[in-house]
PDB file of N, CA and C in Angstrom:
ATOM      1  N   MET A   1      48.797   8.990  63.306  1.00  0.00           N
ATOM      2  CA  MET A   1      49.804   9.965  62.183  1.00  0.00           C
ATOM      3  C   MET A   1      50.939   9.975  62.897  1.00  0.00           C
ATOM      4  N   SER A   2      51.034   9.497  64.217  1.00  0.00           N
ATOM      5  CA  SER A   2      52.209   9.542  64.785  1.00  0.00           C
ATOM      6  C   SER A   2      52.657   8.324  64.529  1.00  0.00           C
ATOM      7  N   ILE A   3      54.063   8.292  63.917  1.00  0.00           N
ATOM      8  CA  ILE A   3      54.689   6.871  63.944  1.00  0.00           C
ATOM      9  C   ILE A   3      55.076   6.548  65.339  1.00  0.00           C
ATOM     10  N   PRO A   4      55.653   7.045  66.277  1.00  0.00           N
ATOM     11  CA  PRO A   4      56.288   6.844  67.326  1.00  0.00           C
ATOM     12  C   PRO A   4      55.006   6.270  68.191  1.00  0.00           C
ATOM     13  N   ALA A   5      53.850   6.831  68.231  1.00  0.00           N
ATOM     14  CA  ALA A   5      52.597   6.995  68.987  1.00  0.00           C
ATOM     15  C   ALA A   5      52.235   5.177  68.701  1.00  0.00           C
ATOM     16  N   SER A   6      51.659   5.002  67.287  1.00  0.00           N
ATOM     17  CA  SER A   6      51.301   3.653  66.678  1.00  0.00           C
ATOM     18  C   SER A   6      52.231   2.630  66.967  1.00  0.00           C
ATOM     19  N   ILE A   7      53.739   2.514  67.293  1.00  0.00           N
ATOM     20  CA  ILE A   7      54.723   1.868  67.964  1.00  0.00           C
ATOM     21  C   ILE A   7      54.103   1.483  69.037  1.00  0.00           C
ATOM     22  N   ALA A   8      53.904   2.207  69.565  1.00  0.00           N
ATOM     23  CA  ALA A   8      53.831   2.224  71.586  1.00  0.00           C
ATOM     24  C   ALA A   8      52.692   1.698  71.713  1.00  0.00           C
ATOM     25  N   ILE A   9      51.508   1.874  70.749  1.00  0.00           N
ATOM     26  CA  ILE A   9      50.220   1.262  70.992  1.00  0.00           C
ATOM     27  C   ILE A   9      50.349  -0.092  70.626  1.00  0.00           C
ATOM     28  N   SER A  10      51.092  -0.388  69.508  1.00  0.00           N
ATOM     29  CA  SER A  10      51.577  -1.808  68.953  1.00  0.00           C
ATOM     30  C   SER A  10      52.217  -2.759  69.944  1.00  0.00           C
ATOM     31  N   LYS A  11      53.257  -2.289  70.554  1.00  0.00           N
ATOM     32  CA  LYS A  11      54.010  -2.682  71.884  1.00  0.00           C
ATOM     33  C   LYS A  11      53.013  -2.727  72.838  1.00  0.00           C
ATOM     34  N   ILE A  12      52.289  -2.431  73.131  1.00  0.00           N
ATOM     35  CA  ILE A  12      51.165  -2.132  74.173  1.00  0.00           C
ATOM     36  C   ILE A  12      49.820  -3.295  74.081  1.00  0.00           C
ATOM     37  N   ARG A  13      49.613  -3.456  72.788  1.00  0.00           N
ATOM     38  CA  ARG A  13      48.386  -4.737  72.256  1.00  0.00           C
ATOM     39  C   ARG A  13      49.049  -5.517  72.120  1.00  0.00           C
ATOM     40  N   MET A  14      50.494  -5.716  71.627  1.00  0.00           N
ATOM     41  CA  MET A  14      51.224  -6.927  71.480  1.00  0.00           C
ATOM     42  C   MET A  14      52.184  -6.991  71.579  1.00  0.00           C
ATOM     43  N   PRO A  15      52.628  -7.455  73.047  1.00  0.00           N
ATOM     44  CA  PRO A  15      54.044  -7.053  73.517  1.00  0.00           C
ATOM     45  C   PRO A  15      55.132  -8.087  73.158  1.00  0.00           C
ATOM     46  N   GLU A  16      56.200  -7.978  73.189  1.00  0.00           N
ATOM     47  CA  GLU A  16      57.450  -9.068  72.468  1.00  0.00           C
ATOM     48  C   GLU A  16      57.593  -9.424  73.837  1.00  0.00           C
ATOM     49  N   LEU A  17      57.367 -10.998  73.884  1.00  0.00           N
ATOM     50  CA  LEU A  17      58.118 -11.995  74.719  1.00  0.00           C
ATOM     51  C   LEU A  17      59.220 -12.530  74.835  1.00  0.00           C
ATOM     52  N   GLU A  18      59.839 -12.731  73.770  1.00  0.00           N
ATOM     53  CA  GLU A  18      61.517 -12.812  73.721  1.00  0.00           C
ATOM     54  C   GLU A  18      62.447 -11.556  73.650  1.00  0.00           C
ATOM     55  N   GLU A  19      63.242 -11.921  73.595  1.00  0.00           N
ATOM     56  CA  GLU A  19      64.211 -10.733  73.629  1.00  0.00           C
ATOM     57  C   GLU A  19      64.455 -10.388  72.336  1.00  0.00           C
ATOM     58  N   PRO A  20      64.264  -8.940  72.153  1.00  0.00           N
ATOM     59  CA  PRO A  20      64.567  -8.347  70.681  1.00  0.00           C
ATOM     60  C   PRO A  20      65.579  -8.651  69.870  1.00  0.00           C
ATOM     61  N   VAL A  21      65.376  -8.448  69.084  1.00  0.00           N
ATOM     62  CA  VAL A  21      66.764  -8.621  68.034  1.00  0.00           C
ATOM     63  C   VAL A  21      67.546  -7.501  68.152  1.00  0.00           C
ATOM     64  N   THR A  22      67.483  -6.341  68.202  1.00  0.00           N
ATOM     65  CA  THR A  22      67.470  -4.971  68.065  1.00  0.00           C
ATOM     66  C   THR A  22      68.090  -4.698  69.552  1.00  0.00           C
ATOM     67  N   ARG A  23      68.168  -5.676  70.333  1.00  0.00           N
ATOM     68  CA  ARG A  23      68.365  -4.960  72.209  1.00  0.00           C
ATOM     69  C   ARG A  23      70.073  -4.820  72.209  1.00  0.00           C
ATOM     70  N   GLY A  24      70.059  -3.369  72.582  1.00  0.00           N
ATOM     71  CA  GLY A  24      71.572  -3.573  72.658  1.00  0.00           C
ATOM     72  C   GLY A  24      72.312  -3.009  71.500  1.00  0.00           C
ATOM     73  N   ARG A  25      72.418  -3.493  70.338  1.00  0.00           N
ATOM     74  CA  ARG A  25      72.372  -3.061  68.901  1.00  0.00           C
ATOM     75  C   ARG A  25      71.868  -2.797  67.931  1.00  0.00           C
ATOM     76  N   VAL A  26      72.292  -1.779  67.189  1.00  0.00           N
ATOM     77  CA  VAL A  26      71.194  -1.593  66.045  1.00  0.00           C
ATOM     78  C   VAL A  26      72.641  -1.346  64.835  1.00  0.00           C
ATOM     79  N   VAL A  27      72.215  -2.013  64.144  1.00  0.00           N
ATOM     80  CA  VAL A  27      73.195  -2.092  63.007  1.00  0.00           C
ATOM     81  C   VAL A  27      72.640  -1.334  61.447  1.00  0.00           C
ATOM     82  N   VAL A  28      72.590  -0.280  61.078  1.00  0.00           N
ATOM     83  CA  VAL A  28      71.973   0.634  59.754  1.00  0.00           C
ATOM     84  C   VAL A  28      72.902   0.581  58.887  1.00  0.00           C
ATOM     85  N   ASP A  29      72.771   0.031  57.599  1.00  0.00           N
ATOM     86  CA  ASP A  29      73.468  -0.560  56.451  1.00  0.00           C
ATOM     87  C   ASP A  29      72.907   0.840  55.257  1.00  0.00           C
ATOM     88  N   ARG A  30      73.932   1.260  55.345  1.00  0.00           N
ATOM     89  CA  ARG A  30      74.379   2.318  54.393  1.00  0.00           C
ATOM     90  C   ARG A  30      74.463   2.672  53.401  1.00  0.00           C
ATOM     91  N   GLY A  31      74.517   1.392  52.600  1.00  0.00           N
ATOM     92  CA  GLY A  31      74.561   1.201  51.517  1.00  0.00           C
ATOM     93  C   GLY A  31      76.395   0.877  51.043  1.00  0.00           C
ATOM     94  N   GLU A  32      76.812   0.621  49.997  1.00  0.00           N
ATOM     95  CA  GLU A  32      78.248   0.501  49.287  1.00  0.00           C
ATOM     96  C   GLU A  32      78.452   2.547  49.467  1.00  0.00           C
ATOM     97  N   GLU A  33      79.852   2.714  49.939  1.00  0.00           N
ATOM     98  CA  GLU A  33      80.577   3.840  49.693  1.00  0.00           C
ATOM     99  C   GLU A  33      81.052   3.444  48.443  1.00  0.00           C
ATOM    100  N   ASP A  34      81.147   4.599  47.782  1.00  0.00           N
ATOM    101  CA  ASP A  34      81.719   4.766  46.236  1.00  0.00           C
ATOM    102  C   ASP A  34      82.459   5.834  46.203  1.00  0.00           C
ATOM    103  N   ALA A  35      83.814   5.779  46.407  1.00  0.00           N
ATOM    104  CA  ALA A  35      84.729   7.142  46.435  1.00  0.00           C
ATOM    105  C   ALA A  35      84.805   7.370  45.135  1.00  0.00           C
ATOM    106  N   LYS A  36      84.625   6.777  44.217  1.00  0.00           N
ATOM    107  CA  LYS A  36      84.647   6.930  42.665  1.00  0.00           C
ATOM    108  C   LYS A  36      83.373   7.778  42.410  1.00  0.00           C
ATOM    109  N   HIS A  37      82.328   8.032  42.763  1.00  0.00           N
ATOM    110  CA  HIS A  37      81.106   9.083  42.550  1.00  0.00           C
ATOM    111  C   HIS A  37      81.043   9.714  44.184  1.00  0.00           C
ATOM    112  N   ALA A  38      81.714  10.273  44.567  1.00  0.00           N
ATOM    113  CA  ALA A  38      81.493  10.785  45.945  1.00  0.00           C
ATOM    114  C   ALA A  38      81.611  12.215  45.219  1.00  0.00           C
ATOM    115  N   PRO A  39      80.649  13.272  45.727  1.00  0.00           N
ATOM    116  CA  PRO A  39      81.010  14.543  45.434  1.00  0.00           C
ATOM    117  C   PRO A  39      82.618  15.199  45.898  1.00  0.00           C
ATOM    118  N   VAL A  40      83.002  16.267  45.512  1.00  0.00           N
ATOM    119  CA  VAL A  40      84.378  16.796  45.851  1.00  0.00           C
ATOM    120  C   VAL A  40      83.894  18.093  46.513  1.00  0.00           C
ATOM    121  N   ASN A  41      82.952  18.534  45.865  1.00  0.00           N
ATOM    122  CA  ASN A  41      83.120  20.444  46.699  1.00  0.00           C
ATOM    123  C   ASN A  41      81.504  20.038  47.109  1.00  0.00           C
ATOM    124  N   ALA A  42      81.312  21.219  47.650  1.00  0.00           N
ATOM    125  CA  ALA A  42      80.016  21.485  47.960  1.00  0.00           C
ATOM    126  C   ALA A  42      78.723  21.619  46.801  1.00  0.00           C
ATOM    127  N   LEU A  43      79.350  22.806  45.747  1.00  0.00           N
ATOM    128  CA  LEU A  43      78.772  23.030  44.338  1.00  0.00           C
ATOM    129  C   LEU A  43      78.325  21.541  43.750  1.00  0.00           C
ATOM    130  N   HIS A  44      79.639  20.422  43.715  1.00  0.00           N
ATOM    131  CA  HIS A  44      79.179  19.042  43.183  1.00  0.00           C
ATOM    132  C   HIS A  44      78.024  18.249  43.830  1.00  0.00           C
ATOM    133  N   ALA A  45      78.101  18.421  45.201  1.00  0.00           N
ATOM    134  CA  ALA A  45      77.046  17.856  46.413  1.00  0.00           C
ATOM    135  C   ALA A  45      75.681  18.320  45.601  1.00  0.00           C
ATOM    136  N   PHE A  46      75.824  19.931  45.432  1.00  0.00           N
ATOM    137  CA  PHE A  46      74.739  20.539  45.306  1.00  0.00           C
ATOM    138  C   PHE A  46      73.628  19.930  44.069  1.00  0.00           C
ATOM    139  N   ALA A  47      74.708  20.102  43.209  1.00  0.00           N
ATOM    140  CA  ALA A  47      74.477  19.704  41.208  1.00  0.00           C
ATOM    141  C   ALA A  47      73.761  17.673  41.622  1.00  0.00           C
ATOM    142  N   LYS A  48      74.524  17.224  42.268  1.00  0.00           N
ATOM    143  CA  LYS A  48      74.210  16.104  42.017  1.00  0.00           C
ATOM    144  C   LYS A  48      73.018  15.760  42.884  1.00  0.00           C
ATOM    145  N   GLY A  49      72.176  16.828  43.983  1.00  0.00           N
ATOM    146  CA  GLY A  49      71.309  16.360  44.659  1.00  0.00           C
ATOM    147  C   GLY A  49      69.949  16.945  43.531  1.00  0.00           C
ATOM    148  N   ALA A  50      70.093  18.352  42.994  1.00  0.00           N
ATOM    149  CA  ALA A  50      69.281  18.445  42.103  1.00  0.00           C
ATOM    150  C   ALA A  50      69.131  17.275  40.778  1.00  0.00           C
ATOM    151  N   VAL A  51      70.006  16.633  40.246  1.00  0.00           N
ATOM    152  CA  VAL A  51      69.752  15.884  39.194  1.00  0.00           C
ATOM    153  C   VAL A  51      68.867  14.653  39.944  1.00  0.00           C
ATOM    154  N   LEU A  52      69.096  14.447  40.877  1.00  0.00           N
ATOM    155  CA  LEU A  52      68.413  13.455  41.609  1.00  0.00           C
ATOM    156  C   LEU A  52      67.069  13.623  42.079  1.00  0.00           C
ATOM    157  N   GLY A  53      66.582  14.976  42.502  1.00  0.00           N
ATOM    158  CA  GLY A  53      65.633  15.601  42.448  1.00  0.00           C
ATOM    159  C   GLY A  53      64.862  15.710  40.985  1.00  0.00           C
ATOM    160  N   LEU A  54      65.616  15.881  40.289  1.00  0.00           N
ATOM    161  CA  LEU A  54      64.843  15.946  38.760  1.00  0.00           C
ATOM    162  C   LEU A  54      64.126  14.996  38.166  1.00  0.00           C
ATOM    163  N   VAL A  55      65.301  13.631  39.048  1.00  0.00           N
ATOM    164  CA  VAL A  55      65.123  12.040  38.139  1.00  0.00           C
ATOM    165  C   VAL A  55      63.730  11.357  39.197  1.00  0.00           C
ATOM    166  N   LEU A  56      63.491  11.823  40.283  1.00  0.00           N
ATOM    167  CA  LEU A  56      62.531  11.500  41.667  1.00  0.00           C
ATOM    168  C   LEU A  56      61.288  12.107  40.682  1.00  0.00           C
ATOM    169  N   ALA A  57      61.089  13.643  40.577  1.00  0.00           N
ATOM    170  CA  ALA A  57      59.808  14.524  39.727  1.00  0.00           C
ATOM    171  C   ALA A  57      59.768  13.970  38.489  1.00  0.00           C
ATOM    172  N   GLY A  58      60.466  13.701  37.840  1.00  0.00           N
ATOM    173  CA  GLY A  58      60.227  12.652  36.170  1.00  0.00           C
ATOM    174  C   GLY A  58      59.887  11.575  36.689  1.00  0.00           C
ATOM    175  N   GLN A  59      60.375  10.575  37.578  1.00  0.00           N
ATOM    176  CA  GLN A  59      59.522   9.360  37.837  1.00  0.00           C
ATOM    177  C   GLN A  59      57.932   9.199  38.351  1.00  0.00           C
ATOM    178  N   ILE A  60      57.712  10.519  39.112  1.00  0.00           N
ATOM    179  CA  ILE A  60      56.475  10.804  39.828  1.00  0.00           C
ATOM    180  C   ILE A  60      55.782  10.605  38.370  1.00  0.00           C
ATOM    181  N   LEU A  61      55.714  11.945  37.768  1.00  0.00           N
ATOM    182  CA  LEU A  61      55.525  12.437  36.423  1.00  0.00           C
ATOM    183  C   LEU A  61      54.811  11.002  35.577  1.00  0.00           C
ATOM    184  N   CYS A  62      55.723  10.332  35.684  1.00  0.00           N
ATOM    185  CA  CYS A  62      55.753   9.281  34.399  1.00  0.00           C
ATOM    186  C   CYS A  62      54.529   7.905  35.262  1.00  0.00           C
ATOM    187  N   ASN A  63      54.688   7.984  36.307  1.00  0.00           N
ATOM    188  CA  ASN A  63      53.761   6.716  37.555  1.00  0.00           C
ATOM    189  C   ASN A  63      52.262   7.812  37.383  1.00  0.00           C
ATOM    190  N   THR A  64      52.043   9.230  37.215  1.00  0.00           N
ATOM    191  CA  THR A  64      51.211   9.716  37.266  1.00  0.00           C
ATOM    192  C   THR A  64      50.445   9.545  36.152  1.00  0.00           C
ATOM    193  N   LEU A  65      51.079   9.801  34.996  1.00  0.00           N
ATOM    194  CA  LEU A  65      50.525   9.383  33.491  1.00  0.00           C
ATOM    195  C   LEU A  65      50.255   8.096  33.127  1.00  0.00           C
ATOM    196  N   THR A  66      51.475   7.378  33.902  1.00  0.00           N
ATOM    197  CA  THR A  66      50.815   5.494  33.523  1.00  0.00           C
ATOM    198  C   THR A  66      49.243   5.292  34.286  1.00  0.00           C
ATOM    199  N   ILE A  67      48.986   5.783  35.548  1.00  0.00           N
ATOM    200  CA  ILE A  67      47.294   5.470  36.108  1.00  0.00           C
ATOM    201  C   ILE A  67      46.299   6.235  35.319  1.00  0.00           C
ATOM    202  N   LEU A  68      46.721   7.319  34.949  1.00  0.00           N
ATOM    203  CA  LEU A  68      45.751   8.449  34.098  1.00  0.00           C
ATOM    204  C   LEU A  68      45.454   7.413  33.222  1.00  0.00           C
ATOM    205  N   SER A  69      46.528   6.939  32.160  1.00  0.00           N
ATOM    206  CA  SER A  69      46.545   6.261  31.218  1.00  0.00           C
ATOM    207  C   SER A  69      45.645   4.907  31.147  1.00  0.00           C
ATOM    208  N   LEU A  70      45.859   4.314  32.456  1.00  0.00           N
ATOM    209  CA  LEU A  70      45.391   2.827  32.759  1.00  0.00           C
ATOM    210  C   LEU A  70      43.432   3.355  33.199  1.00  0.00           C
ATOM    211  N   VAL A  71      43.798   4.141  33.801  1.00  0.00           N
ATOM    212  CA  VAL A  71      41.974   4.416  34.184  1.00  0.00           C
ATOM    213  C   VAL A  71      41.243   4.999  33.000  1.00  0.00           C
ATOM    214  N   ALA A  72      42.151   6.026  31.896  1.00  0.00           N
ATOM    215  CA  ALA A  72      41.170   5.914  30.373  1.00  0.00           C
ATOM    216  C   ALA A  72      41.233   4.734  29.760  1.00  0.00           C
ATOM    217  N   THR A  73      42.120   3.681  29.645  1.00  0.00           N
ATOM    218  CA  THR A  73      41.941   2.256  29.006  1.00  0.00           C
ATOM    219  C   THR A  73      40.512   1.838  29.620  1.00  0.00           C
ATOM    220  N   ILE A  74      40.674   2.068  30.778  1.00  0.00           N
ATOM    221  CA  ILE A  74      39.410   0.801  31.556  1.00  0.00           C
ATOM    222  C   ILE A  74      38.267   1.320  31.225  1.00  0.00           C
ATOM    223  N   ASN A  75      38.014   2.762  31.708  1.00  0.00           N
ATOM    224  CA  ASN A  75      36.615   3.822  31.350  1.00  0.00           C
ATOM    225  C   ASN A  75      36.901   3.142  29.439  1.00  0.00           C
ATOM    226  N   GLY A  76      37.388   3.080  28.279  1.00  0.00           N
ATOM    227  CA  GLY A  76      37.119   2.783  27.347  1.00  0.00           C
ATOM    228  C   GLY A  76      36.521   1.561  26.860  1.00  0.00           C
ATOM    229  N   LEU A  77      37.656   0.605  27.966  1.00  0.00           N
ATOM    230  CA  LEU A  77      36.899  -0.672  27.555  1.00  0.00           C
ATOM    231  C   LEU A  77      34.996  -1.056  27.972  1.00  0.00           C
ATOM    232  N   LEU A  78      35.452  -0.426  29.270  1.00  0.00           N
ATOM    233  CA  LEU A  78      33.663  -0.331  29.804  1.00  0.00           C
ATOM    234  C   LEU A  78      32.957   0.261  28.941  1.00  0.00           C
ATOM    235  N   THR A  79      33.051   1.619  28.525  1.00  0.00           N
ATOM    236  CA  THR A  79      31.905   1.914  28.108  1.00  0.00           C
ATOM    237  C   THR A  79      31.810   1.213  26.323  1.00  0.00           C
ATOM    238  N   TRP A  80      33.076   0.410  25.880  1.00  0.00           N
ATOM    239  CA  TRP A  80      32.621  -0.383  24.986  1.00  0.00           C
ATOM    240  C   TRP A  80      31.890  -1.495  24.936  1.00  0.00           C
ATOM    241  N   ILE A  81      32.136  -2.294  26.368  1.00  0.00           N
ATOM    242  CA  ILE A  81      31.328  -3.202  27.015  1.00  0.00           C
ATOM    243  C   ILE A  81      30.114  -2.875  26.739  1.00  0.00           C
ATOM    244  N   GLY A  82      29.607  -1.766  27.785  1.00  0.00           N
ATOM    245  CA  GLY A  82      28.636  -1.375  28.228  1.00  0.00           C
ATOM    246  C   GLY A  82      27.712  -1.227  27.005  1.00  0.00           C
ATOM    247  N   ARG A  83      28.055  -0.173  25.666  1.00  0.00           N
ATOM    248  CA  ARG A  83      27.298  -0.282  24.272  1.00  0.00           C
ATOM    249  C   ARG A  83      26.860  -1.512  24.063  1.00  0.00           C
ATOM    250  N   GLY A  84      27.910  -2.527  24.067  1.00  0.00           N
ATOM    251  CA  GLY A  84      27.239  -4.073  23.706  1.00  0.00           C
ATOM    252  C   GLY A  84      25.854  -4.256  24.099  1.00  0.00           C
ATOM    253  N   PHE A  85      25.983  -4.296  25.861  1.00  0.00           N
ATOM    254  CA  PHE A  85      24.685  -4.718  26.195  1.00  0.00           C
ATOM    255  C   PHE A  85      23.998  -3.424  26.690  1.00  0.00           C
ATOM    256  N   GLY A  86      23.751  -2.300  26.264  1.00  0.00           N
ATOM    257  CA  GLY A  86      22.758  -1.245  26.351  1.00  0.00           C
ATOM    258  C   GLY A  86      22.918  -0.161  27.162  1.00  0.00           C
ATOM    259  N   ILE A  87      23.959  -0.477  27.887  1.00  0.00           N
ATOM    260  CA  ILE A  87      24.386   0.910  29.340  1.00  0.00           C
ATOM    261  C   ILE A  87      25.871   1.530  28.541  1.00  0.00           C
ATOM    262  N   HIS A  88      25.202   2.745  28.069  1.00  0.00           N
ATOM    263  CA  HIS A  88      26.104   3.358  27.204  1.00  0.00           C
ATOM    264  C   HIS A  88      26.861   4.288  28.198  1.00  0.00           C
ATOM    265  N   GLN A  89      26.969   4.484  29.660  1.00  0.00           N
ATOM    266  CA  GLN A  89      27.121   5.488  30.152  1.00  0.00           C
ATOM    267  C   GLN A  89      28.378   4.624  30.878  1.00  0.00           C
ATOM    268  N   LEU A  90      28.370   3.131  30.961  1.00  0.00           N
ATOM    269  CA  LEU A  90      29.123   2.312  31.795  1.00  0.00           C
ATOM    270  C   LEU A  90      31.130   2.766  31.832  1.00  0.00           C
ATOM    271  N   THR A  91      31.057   3.157  33.036  1.00  0.00           N
ATOM    272  CA  THR A  91      32.392   3.957  33.106  1.00  0.00           C
ATOM    273  C   THR A  91      32.821   3.379  34.459  1.00  0.00           C
ATOM    274  N   LEU A  92      34.471   3.762  34.726  1.00  0.00           N
ATOM    275  CA  LEU A  92      34.615   3.144  36.032  1.00  0.00           C
ATOM    276  C   LEU A  92      34.041   4.022  36.828  1.00  0.00           C
ATOM    277  N   GLN A  93      33.941   5.083  36.797  1.00  0.00           N
ATOM    278  CA  GLN A  93      33.121   5.924  37.920  1.00  0.00           C
ATOM    279  C   GLN A  93      32.025   5.092  38.128  1.00  0.00           C
ATOM    280  N   LEU A  94      31.258   4.824  37.499  1.00  0.00           N
ATOM    281  CA  LEU A  94      30.070   4.419  37.535  1.00  0.00           C
ATOM    282  C   LEU A  94      29.883   3.203  38.621  1.00  0.00           C
ATOM    283  N   VAL A  95      30.913   2.311  38.320  1.00  0.00           N
ATOM    284  CA  VAL A  95      31.278   0.900  38.795  1.00  0.00           C
ATOM    285  C   VAL A  95      31.539   1.154  40.373  1.00  0.00           C
ATOM    286  N   LEU A  96      32.307   2.209  40.282  1.00  0.00           N
ATOM    287  CA  LEU A  96      32.611   2.294  41.609  1.00  0.00           C
ATOM    288  C   LEU A  96      31.630   3.299  42.782  1.00  0.00           C
ATOM    289  N   ARG A  97      31.123   3.846  41.965  1.00  0.00           N
ATOM    290  CA  ARG A  97      29.758   4.473  42.661  1.00  0.00           C
ATOM    291  C   ARG A  97      29.110   3.609  43.482  1.00  0.00           C
ATOM    292  N   TYR A  98      28.375   2.483  42.625  1.00  0.00           N
ATOM    293  CA  TYR A  98      27.436   1.424  43.082  1.00  0.00           C
ATOM    294  C   TYR A  98      28.942   0.524  43.900  1.00  0.00           C
ATOM    295  N   VAL A  99      30.060   0.400  44.100  1.00  0.00           N
ATOM    296  CA  VAL A  99      30.582  -0.339  44.732  1.00  0.00           C
ATOM    297  C   VAL A  99      30.559   0.376  45.886  1.00  0.00           C
ATOM    298  N   PHE A 100      30.979   1.593  46.111  1.00  0.00           N
ATOM    299  CA  PHE A 100      31.363   2.383  47.529  1.00  0.00           C
ATOM    300  C   PHE A 100      29.969   3.154  48.066  1.00  0.00           C
ATOM    301  N   TYR A 101      28.814   2.507  47.339  1.00  0.00           N
ATOM    302  CA  TYR A 101      27.612   2.960  48.074  1.00  0.00           C
ATOM    303  C   TYR A 101      27.354   2.993  49.409  1.00  0.00           C
ATOM    304  N   PRO A 102      27.552   1.325  49.655  1.00  0.00           N
ATOM    305  CA  PRO A 102      27.501   0.655  50.836  1.00  0.00           C
ATOM    306  C   PRO A 102      28.112   1.929  51.926  1.00  0.00           C
ATOM    307  N   ILE A 103      29.729   2.082  51.541  1.00  0.00           N
ATOM    308  CA  ILE A 103      30.491   2.339  52.797  1.00  0.00           C
ATOM    309  C   ILE A 103      29.756   3.910  53.196  1.00  0.00           C
ATOM    310  N   THR A 104      29.356   4.461  51.734  1.00  0.00           N
ATOM    311  CA  THR A 104      29.314   5.850  52.068  1.00  0.00           C
ATOM    312  C   THR A 104      27.848   5.982  53.150  1.00  0.00           C
ATOM    313  N   PHE A 105      26.788   5.473  53.000  1.00  0.00           N
ATOM    314  CA  PHE A 105      25.904   4.966  53.637  1.00  0.00           C
ATOM    315  C   PHE A 105      26.130   4.768  55.033  1.00  0.00           C
ATOM    316  N   PHE A 106      27.065   3.502  55.598  1.00  0.00           N
ATOM    317  CA  PHE A 106      27.288   3.597  56.308  1.00  0.00           C
ATOM    318  C   PHE A 106      28.137   4.526  57.510  1.00  0.00           C
ATOM    319  N   LEU A 107      29.013   5.410  56.553  1.00  0.00           N
ATOM    320  CA  LEU A 107      29.753   6.255  57.337  1.00  0.00           C
ATOM    321  C   LEU A 107      28.485   7.691  57.774  1.00  0.00           C
ATOM    322  N   GLY A 108      27.449   7.457  57.380  1.00  0.00           N
ATOM    323  CA  GLY A 108      26.084   8.335  57.852  1.00  0.00           C
ATOM    324  C   GLY A 108      26.413   9.549  56.645  1.00  0.00           C
ATOM    325  N   ALA A 109      26.766   9.447  56.138  1.00  0.00           N
ATOM    326  CA  ALA A 109      26.826  10.921  54.449  1.00  0.00           C
ATOM    327  C   ALA A 109      25.598  10.789  54.232  1.00  0.00           C
ATOM    328  N   TYR A 110      25.339  12.135  54.255  1.00  0.00           N
ATOM    329  CA  TYR A 110      24.117  12.688  53.414  1.00  0.00           C
ATOM    330  C   TYR A 110      24.158  11.781  51.675  1.00  0.00           C
ATOM    331  N   ILE A 111      23.385  10.970  51.027  1.00  0.00           N
ATOM    332  CA  ILE A 111      23.294  10.443  49.887  1.00  0.00           C
ATOM    333  C   ILE A 111      22.192  10.858  49.436  1.00  0.00           C
ATOM    334  N   PRO A 112      21.828  11.969  48.060  1.00  0.00           N
ATOM    335  CA  PRO A 112      21.140  12.280  47.541  1.00  0.00           C
ATOM    336  C   PRO A 112      20.494  11.273  46.510  1.00  0.00           C
ATOM    337  N   ASN A 113      21.252  10.667  45.935  1.00  0.00           N
ATOM    338  CA  ASN A 113      20.855   9.689  44.855  1.00  0.00           C
ATOM    339  C   ASN A 113      22.013   8.607  44.962  1.00  0.00           C
ATOM    340  N   PRO A 114      22.222   7.249  44.215  1.00  0.00           N
ATOM    341  CA  PRO A 114      22.962   6.356  44.508  1.00  0.00           C
ATOM    342  C   PRO A 114      24.518   6.905  43.589  1.00  0.00           C
ATOM    343  N   SER A 115      24.569   7.746  42.573  1.00  0.00           N
ATOM    344  CA  SER A 115      25.306   8.509  41.756  1.00  0.00           C
ATOM    345  C   SER A 115      26.590   9.138  42.649  1.00  0.00           C
ATOM    346  N   PHE A 116      25.895   9.486  43.861  1.00  0.00           N
ATOM    347  CA  PHE A 116      27.009  10.301  44.996  1.00  0.00           C
ATOM    348  C   PHE A 116      27.332   9.313  45.762  1.00  0.00           C
ATOM    349  N   SER A 117      28.848   9.350  45.198  1.00  0.00           N
ATOM    350  CA  SER A 117      29.552   8.289  46.300  1.00  0.00           C
ATOM    351  C   SER A 117      31.161   9.149  46.466  1.00  0.00           C
ATOM    352  N   PHE A 118      31.800   8.302  47.166  1.00  0.00           N
ATOM    353  CA  PHE A 118      33.372   8.452  47.065  1.00  0.00           C
ATOM    354  C   PHE A 118      33.910   8.469  45.788  1.00  0.00           C
ATOM    355  N   SER A 119      33.728   7.630  44.990  1.00  0.00           N
ATOM    356  CA  SER A 119      34.371   7.282  43.777  1.00  0.00           C
ATOM    357  C   SER A 119      35.014   8.464  42.595  1.00  0.00           C
ATOM    358  N   PRO A 120      33.823   9.511  42.878  1.00  0.00           N
ATOM    359  CA  PRO A 120      34.959  10.656  41.720  1.00  0.00           C
ATOM    360  C   PRO A 120      35.655  10.890  42.471  1.00  0.00           C
ATOM    361  N   SER A 121      36.345  11.319  44.016  1.00  0.00           N
ATOM    362  CA  SER A 121      37.470  11.424  44.246  1.00  0.00           C
ATOM    363  C   SER A 121      38.495  10.419  44.219  1.00  0.00           C
ATOM    364  N   LEU A 122      38.175   9.291  44.556  1.00  0.00           N
ATOM    365  CA  LEU A 122      38.647   8.122  44.192  1.00  0.00           C
ATOM    366  C   LEU A 122      39.300   8.075  42.639  1.00  0.00           C
ATOM    367  N   VAL A 123      38.687   8.511  41.632  1.00  0.00           N
ATOM    368  CA  VAL A 123      39.175   8.368  40.481  1.00  0.00           C
ATOM    369  C   VAL A 123      39.800  10.107  39.840  1.00  0.00           C
TER     370      VAL A 123
END
């Protein structure tokens, strides 16, 4: 979980043999500064931040809805295909249960039947 600790461990496991690119100087690209769109006071800066927050929340909502609709589409297609082969309950969850069953077994989790797996929490 700790990013600095993971960097330290990675440097111990795979040390740099050449001179690092950033030794002695680090250039941070802060993007283009646009004086035309810069906030003129604190209230304007807060308003721009609030609008940015709403835009980000909208993007997260759209991504969530897209993923849920793709899962529903895949479930619908699998159910339609499964009915043609006589498997009326064929869904993405059922497929993932059987795919992740060995992982659940090797993790040592109690498995009452093969339908129990990590797939419901993934989907």
